[in-house]
Amino acid sequence: MQLYRASLEEAQHFILNGKKPYQFVIKNPHAKILGPAYDASEEALQQAKERGFYAETLEEAQKIATAHNDEVIEVAFYTKDIQIV
């Protein structure tokens, strides 16, 4: 599956139209916040939830990033779930 990395403005539009984020991309390249569309590994998903690196919404992801002195810079979606214009 291919992912599309959307700007925050674009991501808000996709989310308002019912699309679920796969991952919230933060500045730290060694960390990631998984989203509700993440389905690659149940174990990785569980670990992310236990470590506090899972969010259902962009707002939750921004709070998590802020708590780690970071910020969400993009949101990844499956390309099959969105229409890119």
PDB file of N, CA and C in Angstrom:
ATOM      1  N   MET A   1       0.835  -1.176   0.000  1.00  0.00           N
ATOM      2  CA  MET A   1       0.000   0.000   0.000  1.00  0.00           C
ATOM      3  C   MET A   1       0.884   1.244   0.000  1.00  0.00           C
ATOM      4  N   GLN A   2       0.514   2.206  -0.790  1.00  0.00           N
ATOM      5  CA  GLN A   2       1.264   3.453  -0.830  1.00  0.00           C
ATOM      6  C   GLN A   2       0.609   4.475   0.081  1.00  0.00           C
ATOM      7  N   LEU A   3       1.459   5.348   0.624  1.00  0.00           N
ATOM      8  CA  LEU A   3       0.975   6.399   1.506  1.00  0.00           C
ATOM      9  C   LEU A   3       1.140   7.757   0.852  1.00  0.00           C
ATOM     10  N   TYR A   4       0.230   8.644   1.165  1.00  0.00           N
ATOM     11  CA  TYR A   4       0.305  10.029   0.722  1.00  0.00           C
ATOM     12  C   TYR A   4       0.492  10.891   1.956  1.00  0.00           C
ATOM     13  N   ARG A   5       1.545  11.706   1.961  1.00  0.00           N
ATOM     14  CA  ARG A   5       1.815  12.585   3.097  1.00  0.00           C
ATOM     15  C   ARG A   5       1.197  13.947   2.809  1.00  0.00           C
ATOM     16  N   ALA A   6       0.163  14.260   3.561  1.00  0.00           N
ATOM     17  CA  ALA A   6      -0.599  15.485   3.363  1.00  0.00           C
ATOM     18  C   ALA A   6      -0.148  16.574   4.329  1.00  0.00           C
ATOM     19  N   SER A   7      -0.228  17.814   3.872  1.00  0.00           N
ATOM     20  CA  SER A   7       0.014  18.945   4.765  1.00  0.00           C
ATOM     21  C   SER A   7      -1.085  18.948   5.823  1.00  0.00           C
ATOM     22  N   LEU A   8      -0.893  19.702   6.887  1.00  0.00           N
ATOM     23  CA  LEU A   8      -1.913  19.740   7.943  1.00  0.00           C
ATOM     24  C   LEU A   8      -3.234  20.286   7.413  1.00  0.00           C
ATOM     25  N   GLU A   9      -3.162  21.287   6.549  1.00  0.00           N
ATOM     26  CA  GLU A   9      -4.384  21.860   5.968  1.00  0.00           C
ATOM     27  C   GLU A   9      -5.119  20.819   5.126  1.00  0.00           C
ATOM     28  N   GLU A  10      -4.379  20.125   4.292  1.00  0.00           N
ATOM     29  CA  GLU A  10      -4.952  19.065   3.463  1.00  0.00           C
ATOM     30  C   GLU A  10      -5.526  17.948   4.330  1.00  0.00           C
ATOM     31  N   ALA A  11      -4.775  17.577   5.358  1.00  0.00           N
ATOM     32  CA  ALA A  11      -5.191  16.494   6.252  1.00  0.00           C
ATOM     33  C   ALA A  11      -6.514  16.819   6.928  1.00  0.00           C
ATOM     34  N   GLN A  12      -6.676  18.050   7.365  1.00  0.00           N
ATOM     35  CA  GLN A  12      -7.935  18.436   8.011  1.00  0.00           C
ATOM     36  C   GLN A  12      -9.102  18.240   7.052  1.00  0.00           C
ATOM     37  N   HIS A  13      -8.895  18.565   5.795  1.00  0.00           N
ATOM     38  CA  HIS A  13      -9.940  18.375   4.780  1.00  0.00           C
ATOM     39  C   HIS A  13     -10.269  16.884   4.627  1.00  0.00           C
ATOM     40  N   PHE A  14      -9.238  16.048   4.518  1.00  0.00           N
ATOM     41  CA  PHE A  14      -9.458  14.606   4.381  1.00  0.00           C
ATOM     42  C   PHE A  14     -10.195  14.047   5.599  1.00  0.00           C
ATOM     43  N   ILE A  15      -9.764  14.456   6.784  1.00  0.00           N
ATOM     44  CA  ILE A  15     -10.372  13.958   8.024  1.00  0.00           C
ATOM     45  C   ILE A  15     -11.835  14.387   8.117  1.00  0.00           C
ATOM     46  N   LEU A  16     -12.123  15.636   7.758  1.00  0.00           N
ATOM     47  CA  LEU A  16     -13.509  16.118   7.776  1.00  0.00           C
ATOM     48  C   LEU A  16     -14.387  15.323   6.812  1.00  0.00           C
ATOM     49  N   ASN A  17     -13.762  14.743   5.789  1.00  0.00           N
ATOM     50  CA  ASN A  17     -14.496  13.930   4.820  1.00  0.00           C
ATOM     51  C   ASN A  17     -14.446  12.442   5.152  1.00  0.00           C
ATOM     52  N   GLY A  18     -14.097  12.124   6.400  1.00  0.00           N
ATOM     53  CA  GLY A  18     -14.182  10.748   6.879  1.00  0.00           C
ATOM     54  C   GLY A  18     -12.967   9.867   6.649  1.00  0.00           C
ATOM     55  N   LYS A  19     -11.871  10.424   6.153  1.00  0.00           N
ATOM     56  CA  LYS A  19     -10.667   9.616   5.926  1.00  0.00           C
ATOM     57  C   LYS A  19      -9.899   9.458   7.231  1.00  0.00           C
ATOM     58  N   LYS A  20      -9.362   8.275   7.458  1.00  0.00           N
ATOM     59  CA  LYS A  20      -8.643   7.983   8.699  1.00  0.00           C
ATOM     60  C   LYS A  20      -7.135   8.048   8.460  1.00  0.00           C
ATOM     61  N   PRO A  21      -6.416   8.768   9.311  1.00  0.00           N
ATOM     62  CA  PRO A  21      -4.958   8.858   9.176  1.00  0.00           C
ATOM     63  C   PRO A  21      -4.272   7.527   9.478  1.00  0.00           C
ATOM     64  N   TYR A  22      -3.238   7.240   8.715  1.00  0.00           N
ATOM     65  CA  TYR A  22      -2.392   6.070   8.946  1.00  0.00           C
ATOM     66  C   TYR A  22      -1.327   6.417   9.991  1.00  0.00           C
ATOM     67  N   GLN A  23      -0.754   7.615   9.840  1.00  0.00           N
ATOM     68  CA  GLN A  23       0.327   8.038  10.727  1.00  0.00           C
ATOM     69  C   GLN A  23       0.381   9.557  10.773  1.00  0.00           C
ATOM     70  N   PHE A  24       0.728  10.081  11.939  1.00  0.00           N
ATOM     71  CA  PHE A  24       0.959  11.507  12.109  1.00  0.00           C
ATOM     72  C   PHE A  24       2.471  11.694  12.108  1.00  0.00           C
ATOM     73  N   VAL A  25       2.979  12.432  11.135  1.00  0.00           N
ATOM     74  CA  VAL A  25       4.421  12.604  10.965  1.00  0.00           C
ATOM     75  C   VAL A  25       4.882  13.781  11.818  1.00  0.00           C
ATOM     76  N   ILE A  26       5.907  13.535  12.642  1.00  0.00           N
ATOM     77  CA  ILE A  26       6.460  14.593  13.480  1.00  0.00           C
ATOM     78  C   ILE A  26       7.880  14.907  13.011  1.00  0.00           C
ATOM     79  N   LYS A  27       8.448  15.999  13.548  1.00  0.00           N
ATOM     80  CA  LYS A  27       9.784  16.425  13.119  1.00  0.00           C
ATOM     81  C   LYS A  27      10.857  15.388  13.424  1.00  0.00           C
ATOM     82  N   ASN A  28      10.751  14.717  14.560  1.00  0.00           N
ATOM     83  CA  ASN A  28      11.742  13.716  14.938  1.00  0.00           C
ATOM     84  C   ASN A  28      11.627  12.514  13.992  1.00  0.00           C
ATOM     85  N   PRO A  29      12.643  12.271  13.152  1.00  0.00           N
ATOM     86  CA  PRO A  29      12.541  11.172  12.186  1.00  0.00           C
ATOM     87  C   PRO A  29      12.607   9.781  12.827  1.00  0.00           C
ATOM     88  N   HIS A  30      12.950   9.723  14.104  1.00  0.00           N
ATOM     89  CA  HIS A  30      13.074   8.430  14.787  1.00  0.00           C
ATOM     90  C   HIS A  30      11.817   8.050  15.574  1.00  0.00           C
ATOM     91  N   ALA A  31      10.809   8.897  15.529  1.00  0.00           N
ATOM     92  CA  ALA A  31       9.565   8.627  16.258  1.00  0.00           C
ATOM     93  C   ALA A  31       8.384   8.813  15.312  1.00  0.00           C
ATOM     94  N   LYS A  32       7.289   8.131  15.623  1.00  0.00           N
ATOM     95  CA  LYS A  32       6.074   8.297  14.827  1.00  0.00           C
ATOM     96  C   LYS A  32       4.867   8.085  15.716  1.00  0.00           C
ATOM     97  N   ILE A  33       3.793   8.756  15.360  1.00  0.00           N
ATOM     98  CA  ILE A  33       2.527   8.612  16.068  1.00  0.00           C
ATOM     99  C   ILE A  33       1.588   7.892  15.106  1.00  0.00           C
ATOM    100  N   LEU A  34       1.190   6.692  15.471  1.00  0.00           N
ATOM    101  CA  LEU A  34       0.322   5.905  14.604  1.00  0.00           C
ATOM    102  C   LEU A  34      -1.120   6.379  14.710  1.00  0.00           C
ATOM    103  N   GLY A  35      -1.853   6.216  13.608  1.00  0.00           N
ATOM    104  CA  GLY A  35      -3.244   6.630  13.566  1.00  0.00           C
ATOM    105  C   GLY A  35      -4.184   5.449  13.406  1.00  0.00           C
ATOM    106  N   PRO A  36      -5.487   5.721  13.341  1.00  0.00           N
ATOM    107  CA  PRO A  36      -6.491   4.657  13.312  1.00  0.00           C
ATOM    108  C   PRO A  36      -6.471   3.776  12.061  1.00  0.00           C
ATOM    109  N   ALA A  37      -5.865   4.226  10.966  1.00  0.00           N
ATOM    110  CA  ALA A  37      -5.808   3.399   9.758  1.00  0.00           C
ATOM    111  C   ALA A  37      -4.575   2.499   9.730  1.00  0.00           C
ATOM    112  N   TYR A  38      -3.707   2.611  10.733  1.00  0.00           N
ATOM    113  CA  TYR A  38      -2.494   1.787  10.774  1.00  0.00           C
ATOM    114  C   TYR A  38      -2.884   0.322  10.919  1.00  0.00           C
ATOM    115  N   ASP A  39      -2.363  -0.512  10.026  1.00  0.00           N
ATOM    116  CA  ASP A  39      -2.718  -1.932  10.072  1.00  0.00           C
ATOM    117  C   ASP A  39      -1.560  -2.850   9.686  1.00  0.00           C
ATOM    118  N   ALA A  40      -0.344  -2.331   9.685  1.00  0.00           N
ATOM    119  CA  ALA A  40       0.801  -3.119   9.238  1.00  0.00           C
ATOM    120  C   ALA A  40       1.200  -4.201  10.236  1.00  0.00           C
ATOM    121  N   SER A  41       1.108  -3.892  11.531  1.00  0.00           N
ATOM    122  CA  SER A  41       1.531  -4.857  12.546  1.00  0.00           C
ATOM    123  C   SER A  41       0.747  -4.617  13.826  1.00  0.00           C
ATOM    124  N   GLU A  42       0.016  -5.619  14.245  1.00  0.00           N
ATOM    125  CA  GLU A  42      -0.767  -5.503  15.487  1.00  0.00           C
ATOM    126  C   GLU A  42       0.159  -5.273  16.678  1.00  0.00           C
ATOM    127  N   GLU A  43       1.322  -5.917  16.657  1.00  0.00           N
ATOM    128  CA  GLU A  43       2.290  -5.751  17.750  1.00  0.00           C
ATOM    129  C   GLU A  43       2.807  -4.309  17.815  1.00  0.00           C
ATOM    130  N   ALA A  44       3.145  -3.738  16.664  1.00  0.00           N
ATOM    131  CA  ALA A  44       3.625  -2.354  16.628  1.00  0.00           C
ATOM    132  C   ALA A  44       2.528  -1.397  17.085  1.00  0.00           C
ATOM    133  N   LEU A  45       1.303  -1.669  16.689  1.00  0.00           N
ATOM    134  CA  LEU A  45       0.178  -0.834  17.099  1.00  0.00           C
ATOM    135  C   LEU A  45      -0.002  -0.891  18.613  1.00  0.00           C
ATOM    136  N   GLN A  46       0.054  -2.067  19.174  1.00  0.00           N
ATOM    137  CA  GLN A  46      -0.094  -2.225  20.620  1.00  0.00           C
ATOM    138  C   GLN A  46       1.034  -1.512  21.364  1.00  0.00           C
ATOM    139  N   GLN A  47       2.256  -1.639  20.869  1.00  0.00           N
ATOM    140  CA  GLN A  47       3.395  -0.965  21.498  1.00  0.00           C
ATOM    141  C   GLN A  47       3.235   0.547  21.442  1.00  0.00           C
ATOM    142  N   ALA A  48       2.762   1.058  20.308  1.00  0.00           N
ATOM    143  CA  ALA A  48       2.552   2.500  20.175  1.00  0.00           C
ATOM    144  C   ALA A  48       1.508   2.983  21.179  1.00  0.00           C
ATOM    145  N   LYS A  49       0.443   2.218  21.339  1.00  0.00           N
ATOM    146  CA  LYS A  49      -0.592   2.587  22.311  1.00  0.00           C
ATOM    147  C   LYS A  49      -0.029   2.578  23.727  1.00  0.00           C
ATOM    148  N   GLU A  50       0.748   1.545  24.059  1.00  0.00           N
ATOM    149  CA  GLU A  50       1.326   1.440  25.404  1.00  0.00           C
ATOM    150  C   GLU A  50       2.312   2.567  25.689  1.00  0.00           C
ATOM    151  N   ARG A  51       3.068   2.986  24.678  1.00  0.00           N
ATOM    152  CA  ARG A  51       4.064   4.048  24.852  1.00  0.00           C
ATOM    153  C   ARG A  51       3.468   5.441  24.696  1.00  0.00           C
ATOM    154  N   GLY A  52       2.192   5.522  24.334  1.00  0.00           N
ATOM    155  CA  GLY A  52       1.555   6.824  24.168  1.00  0.00           C
ATOM    156  C   GLY A  52       1.835   7.471  22.827  1.00  0.00           C
ATOM    157  N   PHE A  53       2.131   6.655  21.813  1.00  0.00           N
ATOM    158  CA  PHE A  53       2.377   7.174  20.475  1.00  0.00           C
ATOM    159  C   PHE A  53       1.307   6.692  19.501  1.00  0.00           C
ATOM    160  N   TYR A  54       0.051   6.777  19.942  1.00  0.00           N
ATOM    161  CA  TYR A  54      -1.100   6.446  19.109  1.00  0.00           C
ATOM    162  C   TYR A  54      -2.131   7.539  19.322  1.00  0.00           C
ATOM    163  N   ALA A  55      -2.750   7.987  18.227  1.00  0.00           N
ATOM    164  CA  ALA A  55      -3.782   9.018  18.325  1.00  0.00           C
ATOM    165  C   ALA A  55      -4.909   8.712  17.348  1.00  0.00           C
ATOM    166  N   GLU A  56      -6.113   8.983  17.776  1.00  0.00           N
ATOM    167  CA  GLU A  56      -7.289   8.834  16.909  1.00  0.00           C
ATOM    168  C   GLU A  56      -7.511  10.077  16.056  1.00  0.00           C
ATOM    169  N   THR A  57      -7.109  11.242  16.567  1.00  0.00           N
ATOM    170  CA  THR A  57      -7.386  12.509  15.890  1.00  0.00           C
ATOM    171  C   THR A  57      -6.115  13.338  15.748  1.00  0.00           C
ATOM    172  N   LEU A  58      -6.168  14.327  14.883  1.00  0.00           N
ATOM    173  CA  LEU A  58      -5.050  15.248  14.710  1.00  0.00           C
ATOM    174  C   LEU A  58      -4.800  16.018  15.999  1.00  0.00           C
ATOM    175  N   GLU A  59      -5.866  16.386  16.688  1.00  0.00           N
ATOM    176  CA  GLU A  59      -5.721  17.120  17.947  1.00  0.00           C
ATOM    177  C   GLU A  59      -4.988  16.276  18.993  1.00  0.00           C
ATOM    178  N   GLU A  60      -5.341  15.004  19.094  1.00  0.00           N
ATOM    179  CA  GLU A  60      -4.649  14.101  20.026  1.00  0.00           C
ATOM    180  C   GLU A  60      -3.176  13.982  19.645  1.00  0.00           C
ATOM    181  N   ALA A  61      -2.904  13.839  18.360  1.00  0.00           N
ATOM    182  CA  ALA A  61      -1.520  13.703  17.890  1.00  0.00           C
ATOM    183  C   ALA A  61      -0.715  14.954  18.212  1.00  0.00           C
ATOM    184  N   GLN A  62      -1.331  16.124  18.061  1.00  0.00           N
ATOM    185  CA  GLN A  62      -0.628  17.368  18.371  1.00  0.00           C
ATOM    186  C   GLN A  62      -0.306  17.451  19.862  1.00  0.00           C
ATOM    187  N   LYS A  63      -1.208  16.987  20.710  1.00  0.00           N
ATOM    188  CA  LYS A  63      -0.949  16.980  22.156  1.00  0.00           C
ATOM    189  C   LYS A  63       0.195  16.033  22.501  1.00  0.00           C
ATOM    190  N   ILE A  64       0.206  14.864  21.877  1.00  0.00           N
ATOM    191  CA  ILE A  64       1.282  13.898  22.114  1.00  0.00           C
ATOM    192  C   ILE A  64       2.616  14.489  21.668  1.00  0.00           C
ATOM    193  N   ALA A  65       2.640  15.072  20.480  1.00  0.00           N
ATOM    194  CA  ALA A  65       3.877  15.663  19.962  1.00  0.00           C
ATOM    195  C   ALA A  65       4.365  16.783  20.874  1.00  0.00           C
ATOM    196  N   THR A  66       3.466  17.646  21.304  1.00  0.00           N
ATOM    197  CA  THR A  66       3.832  18.752  22.189  1.00  0.00           C
ATOM    198  C   THR A  66       4.409  18.230  23.496  1.00  0.00           C
ATOM    199  N   ALA A  67       3.844  17.164  24.028  1.00  0.00           N
ATOM    200  CA  ALA A  67       4.347  16.572  25.276  1.00  0.00           C
ATOM    201  C   ALA A  67       5.772  16.053  25.118  1.00  0.00           C
ATOM    202  N   HIS A  68       6.191  15.795  23.876  1.00  0.00           N
ATOM    203  CA  HIS A  68       7.547  15.316  23.599  1.00  0.00           C
ATOM    204  C   HIS A  68       8.393  16.415  22.936  1.00  0.00           C
ATOM    205  N   ASN A  69       8.005  17.668  23.158  1.00  0.00           N
ATOM    206  CA  ASN A  69       8.717  18.821  22.585  1.00  0.00           C
ATOM    207  C   ASN A  69       8.885  18.692  21.073  1.00  0.00           C
ATOM    208  N   ASP A  70       7.826  18.313  20.410  1.00  0.00           N
ATOM    209  CA  ASP A  70       7.842  18.106  18.966  1.00  0.00           C
ATOM    210  C   ASP A  70       6.559  18.679  18.390  1.00  0.00           C
ATOM    211  N   GLU A  71       6.365  18.508  17.095  1.00  0.00           N
ATOM    212  CA  GLU A  71       5.123  18.955  16.472  1.00  0.00           C
ATOM    213  C   GLU A  71       4.793  18.093  15.265  1.00  0.00           C
ATOM    214  N   VAL A  72       3.505  17.973  14.990  1.00  0.00           N
ATOM    215  CA  VAL A  72       3.038  17.240  13.818  1.00  0.00           C
ATOM    216  C   VAL A  72       3.278  18.134  12.607  1.00  0.00           C
ATOM    217  N   ILE A  73       3.920  17.587  11.580  1.00  0.00           N
ATOM    218  CA  ILE A  73       4.204  18.386  10.385  1.00  0.00           C
ATOM    219  C   ILE A  73       3.433  17.901   9.154  1.00  0.00           C
ATOM    220  N   GLU A  74       3.046  16.631   9.150  1.00  0.00           N
ATOM    221  CA  GLU A  74       2.269  16.062   8.050  1.00  0.00           C
ATOM    222  C   GLU A  74       1.433  14.909   8.587  1.00  0.00           C
ATOM    223  N   VAL A  75       0.478  14.479   7.769  1.00  0.00           N
ATOM    224  CA  VAL A  75      -0.342  13.326   8.134  1.00  0.00           C
ATOM    225  C   VAL A  75      -0.356  12.386   6.933  1.00  0.00           C
ATOM    226  N   ALA A  76      -0.065  11.105   7.188  1.00  0.00           N
ATOM    227  CA  ALA A  76      -0.024  10.115   6.110  1.00  0.00           C
ATOM    228  C   ALA A  76      -1.357   9.370   6.025  1.00  0.00           C
ATOM    229  N   PHE A  77      -1.823   9.203   4.787  1.00  0.00           N
ATOM    230  CA  PHE A  77      -3.054   8.472   4.495  1.00  0.00           C
ATOM    231  C   PHE A  77      -2.744   7.424   3.429  1.00  0.00           C
ATOM    232  N   TYR A  78      -3.488   6.317   3.436  1.00  0.00           N
ATOM    233  CA  TYR A  78      -3.392   5.373   2.330  1.00  0.00           C
ATOM    234  C   TYR A  78      -3.881   6.074   1.071  1.00  0.00           C
ATOM    235  N   THR A  79      -3.169   5.900  -0.037  1.00  0.00           N
ATOM    236  CA  THR A  79      -3.585   6.551  -1.278  1.00  0.00           C
ATOM    237  C   THR A  79      -4.922   6.013  -1.780  1.00  0.00           C
ATOM    238  N   LYS A  80      -5.239   4.751  -1.451  1.00  0.00           N
ATOM    239  CA  LYS A  80      -6.523   4.192  -1.900  1.00  0.00           C
ATOM    240  C   LYS A  80      -7.704   4.866  -1.208  1.00  0.00           C
ATOM    241  N   ASP A  81      -7.451   5.519  -0.068  1.00  0.00           N
ATOM    242  CA  ASP A  81      -8.523   6.130   0.711  1.00  0.00           C
ATOM    243  C   ASP A  81      -8.800   7.585   0.354  1.00  0.00           C
ATOM    244  N   ILE A  82      -7.908   8.188  -0.432  1.00  0.00           N
ATOM    245  CA  ILE A  82      -8.076   9.612  -0.734  1.00  0.00           C
ATOM    246  C   ILE A  82      -8.002   9.851  -2.231  1.00  0.00           C
ATOM    247  N   GLN A  83      -8.545  10.981  -2.630  1.00  0.00           N
ATOM    248  CA  GLN A  83      -8.464  11.379  -4.028  1.00  0.00           C
ATOM    249  C   GLN A  83      -7.564  12.600  -4.085  1.00  0.00           C
ATOM    250  N   ILE A  84      -6.441  12.450  -4.764  1.00  0.00           N
ATOM    251  CA  ILE A  84      -5.461  13.527  -4.855  1.00  0.00           C
ATOM    252  C   ILE A  84      -5.733  14.313  -6.124  1.00  0.00           C
ATOM    253  N   VAL A  85      -5.853  15.634  -5.959  1.00  0.00           N
ATOM    254  CA  VAL A  85      -6.109  16.491  -7.125  1.00  0.00           C
ATOM    255  C   VAL A  85      -4.932  17.377  -7.405  1.00  0.00           C
TER     256      VAL A  85
END
